[in-house]
Structure formats: structure tokens, C-alpha cells
Amino acid sequence: QKIANWNVAARQKHPNSRILCSKINFKPAYRQVHLNHKVTLQTCTQLPDEDIAMMSLRLTFGEGPGPFEWGVVSETVADLANAILHDDNWDPITLKAESRKLVPKRKEPEAETPLAQAKELAIDMPVDPRGFIDVYID
């Protein structure tokens, strides 16, 4: 909901500008989070007929600690990305990562596509033209 409110607030502040958004699926990254021994024990599954217990050493979907542990990682990454994005000393034109070649080209709508009018929001949402990074777990 935060990104929807930000888009409406951005449209109010910039009624004639295109607002670009991106959604990234981090499912493969989710599986790369290694667990410490205490969390690993929380993922334990018993197979009584086989007389064994299995536990995951990596974060898995559907396990009790999964969303919380992923939130710790993803929110930290988002906070760092926002800090860099809003740092006045960072210039995205001159400072570029080597991995930028891996980022897909952005797709913009046709220039003739009309821009919608923003409705009034019930909340005050600050809008920085540099944008923001948000995390959503579904």
C-alpha cells in the first residue's frame, strides 16, 4: 500500500511527469540465506516412519522463521539502497556499477499514453524525486 500511496502523491506533485516503478522477484535470493543453528532447529521436519529428522540449512518458503529472517535481510538491503539513493554525494550518472549490464532495459509507455489525475490522499506522503526502495513479502 505504501508504494500505491507514494505513486498518488508523486502524481499530485508531478502531474505531467512519467512515474516509473519496478518489481523484482527475489525468490532465488531467498534460498541463498544461510541459517544459524537456532533457526535451523525451527525448520526441523520429522519422518517417524523412517526414524529420521530433516532440517534445512537455508531459508525455505513456508517455514515458520522464513518471512521474519528474510525480512531482516531484505529490509537491511532496502535501507542501504535508500541511503545511497538519497545521498547527495552519489551521482548515478558518473558512478556506475559493473553489474549494471545485467539490469534489463526499462520499458516506458508510449509518449501519447495519457497521464491519470491523482485523487486526494488521506495521509501526508513525502515525495523525493529520486524515488524510494520498498520491500513487500507476499
Protein backbone atom coordinates (compact mmCIF):
# COMPACT_ATOMS: atom_id res chain seq x y z
CA GLN A 1 0.00 0.00 0.00
CA LYS A 2 2.93 2.32 0.65
CA ILE A 3 4.02 2.29 -2.98
CA ALA A 4 0.46 2.96 -4.18
CA ASN A 5 0.20 5.98 -1.86
CA TRP A 6 3.63 7.19 -2.96
CA ASN A 7 2.57 6.96 -6.62
CA VAL A 8 -0.55 9.03 -5.97
CA ALA A 9 1.45 11.62 -4.00
CA ALA A 10 4.10 11.72 -6.75
CA ARG A 11 1.38 12.24 -9.39
CA GLN A 12 -0.01 15.15 -7.33
CA LYS A 13 3.44 16.74 -7.08
CA HIS A 14 4.44 15.97 -10.69
CA PRO A 15 1.18 15.85 -12.72
CA ASN A 16 2.93 15.93 -16.12
CA SER A 17 5.82 13.54 -15.48
CA ARG A 18 6.09 9.82 -16.10
CA ILE A 19 6.43 7.80 -12.87
CA LEU A 20 8.43 4.62 -13.32
CA CYS A 21 8.19 1.61 -11.00
CA SER A 22 9.96 -1.71 -10.88
CA LYS A 23 9.09 -5.00 -9.22
CA ILE A 24 11.80 -7.56 -8.61
CA ASN A 25 11.29 -11.16 -7.50
CA PHE A 26 13.96 -12.22 -5.01
CA LYS A 27 12.84 -15.85 -4.69
CA PRO A 28 16.24 -17.21 -5.79
CA ALA A 29 17.97 -14.88 -3.30
CA TYR A 30 15.64 -16.06 -0.54
CA ARG A 31 17.11 -19.55 -0.84
CA GLN A 32 20.66 -18.23 -0.51
CA VAL A 33 20.18 -17.04 3.08
CA HIS A 34 22.02 -19.46 5.35
CA LEU A 35 20.55 -20.12 8.77
CA ASN A 36 22.24 -20.20 12.16
CA HIS A 37 21.84 -23.28 14.34
CA LYS A 38 18.94 -21.90 16.42
CA VAL A 39 16.83 -21.05 13.35
CA THR A 40 17.81 -24.31 11.65
CA LEU A 41 16.25 -26.23 14.55
CA GLN A 42 12.98 -24.35 13.92
CA THR A 43 12.84 -25.77 10.38
CA CYS A 44 13.16 -29.38 11.55
CA THR A 45 10.76 -31.91 10.00
CA GLN A 46 10.37 -35.38 11.46
CA LEU A 47 9.69 -38.54 9.47
CA PRO A 48 8.77 -41.00 12.24
CA ASP A 49 8.26 -43.96 9.88
CA GLU A 50 11.82 -43.52 8.64
CA ASP A 51 13.13 -42.70 12.13
CA ILE A 52 14.85 -39.53 10.88
CA ALA A 53 14.57 -35.78 11.20
CA MET A 54 15.48 -33.33 8.42
CA MET A 55 16.44 -29.70 8.75
CA SER A 56 17.22 -27.01 6.24
CA LEU A 57 20.46 -25.07 6.38
CA ARG A 58 18.99 -22.42 4.07
CA LEU A 59 15.89 -20.29 4.30
CA THR A 60 12.83 -22.03 2.86
CA PHE A 61 9.38 -20.81 1.85
CA GLY A 62 6.60 -21.91 4.16
CA GLU A 63 8.73 -22.45 7.24
CA GLY A 64 7.89 -20.55 10.44
CA PRO A 65 11.02 -18.37 10.67
CA GLY A 66 11.29 -17.77 6.89
CA PRO A 67 9.41 -14.48 6.47
CA PHE A 68 10.99 -12.90 9.56
CA GLU A 69 14.53 -13.96 8.67
CA TRP A 70 14.07 -12.80 5.06
CA GLY A 71 12.68 -9.50 6.36
CA VAL A 72 15.87 -8.93 8.36
CA VAL A 73 17.96 -9.32 5.19
CA SER A 74 15.68 -7.58 2.68
CA GLU A 75 14.82 -4.58 4.88
CA THR A 76 18.53 -4.04 5.57
CA VAL A 77 19.28 -4.10 1.83
CA ALA A 78 16.37 -1.70 1.14
CA ASP A 79 17.55 0.69 3.89
CA LEU A 80 21.06 0.70 2.43
CA ALA A 81 19.73 1.24 -1.12
CA ASN A 82 17.57 4.16 0.08
CA ALA A 83 20.55 5.69 1.91
CA ILE A 84 22.65 5.54 -1.27
CA LEU A 85 19.76 6.77 -3.46
CA HIS A 86 19.24 9.83 -1.24
CA ASP A 87 22.92 10.59 -0.59
CA ASP A 88 23.71 13.95 -2.20
CA ASN A 89 27.28 12.77 -2.88
CA TRP A 90 26.07 9.85 -5.04
CA ASP A 91 25.78 10.71 -8.72
CA PRO A 92 24.20 7.86 -10.72
CA ILE A 93 25.41 9.43 -13.98
CA THR A 94 29.12 9.22 -13.10
CA LEU A 95 29.23 6.35 -10.57
CA LYS A 96 28.06 3.12 -12.16
CA ALA A 97 28.38 -0.49 -11.05
CA GLU A 98 29.97 -3.02 -13.37
CA SER A 99 26.89 -5.22 -12.92
CA ARG A 100 24.62 -2.58 -14.50
CA LYS A 101 24.80 -4.56 -17.75
CA LEU A 102 22.75 -7.27 -16.02
CA VAL A 103 19.82 -4.92 -15.35
CA PRO A 104 17.13 -5.16 -18.07
CA LYS A 105 16.36 -2.05 -20.09
CA ARG A 106 13.37 -0.16 -18.75
CA LYS A 107 10.11 -0.27 -20.65
CA GLU A 108 8.34 3.05 -20.89
CA PRO A 109 4.77 3.52 -22.09
CA GLU A 110 4.15 5.30 -25.37
CA ALA A 111 4.55 9.07 -25.13
CA GLU A 112 0.91 9.50 -26.23
CA THR A 113 -0.41 7.48 -23.28
CA PRO A 114 -2.42 9.95 -21.17
CA LEU A 115 -1.38 10.52 -17.55
CA ALA A 116 -4.05 9.99 -14.90
CA GLN A 117 -5.12 12.67 -12.44
CA ALA A 118 -4.28 11.99 -8.79
CA LYS A 119 -7.01 11.86 -6.18
CA GLU A 120 -6.59 13.42 -2.75
CA LEU A 121 -4.83 11.24 -0.17
CA ALA A 122 -5.99 10.88 3.44
CA ILE A 123 -2.36 10.81 4.58
CA ASP A 124 0.68 13.01 4.08
CA MET A 125 3.19 11.12 1.92
CA PRO A 126 6.58 12.76 1.34
CA VAL A 127 7.83 12.53 -2.25
CA ASP A 128 11.50 12.72 -3.13
CA PRO A 129 12.03 12.92 -6.91
CA ARG A 130 14.88 10.41 -6.57
CA GLY A 131 12.31 7.78 -5.61
CA PHE A 132 12.49 5.11 -2.93
CA ILE A 133 13.01 1.40 -2.40
CA ASP A 134 10.37 -0.66 -0.57
CA VAL A 135 10.08 -4.32 0.35
CA TYR A 136 6.92 -6.36 0.15
CA ILE A 137 6.62 -10.04 1.02
CA ASP A 138 3.59 -11.79 -0.44
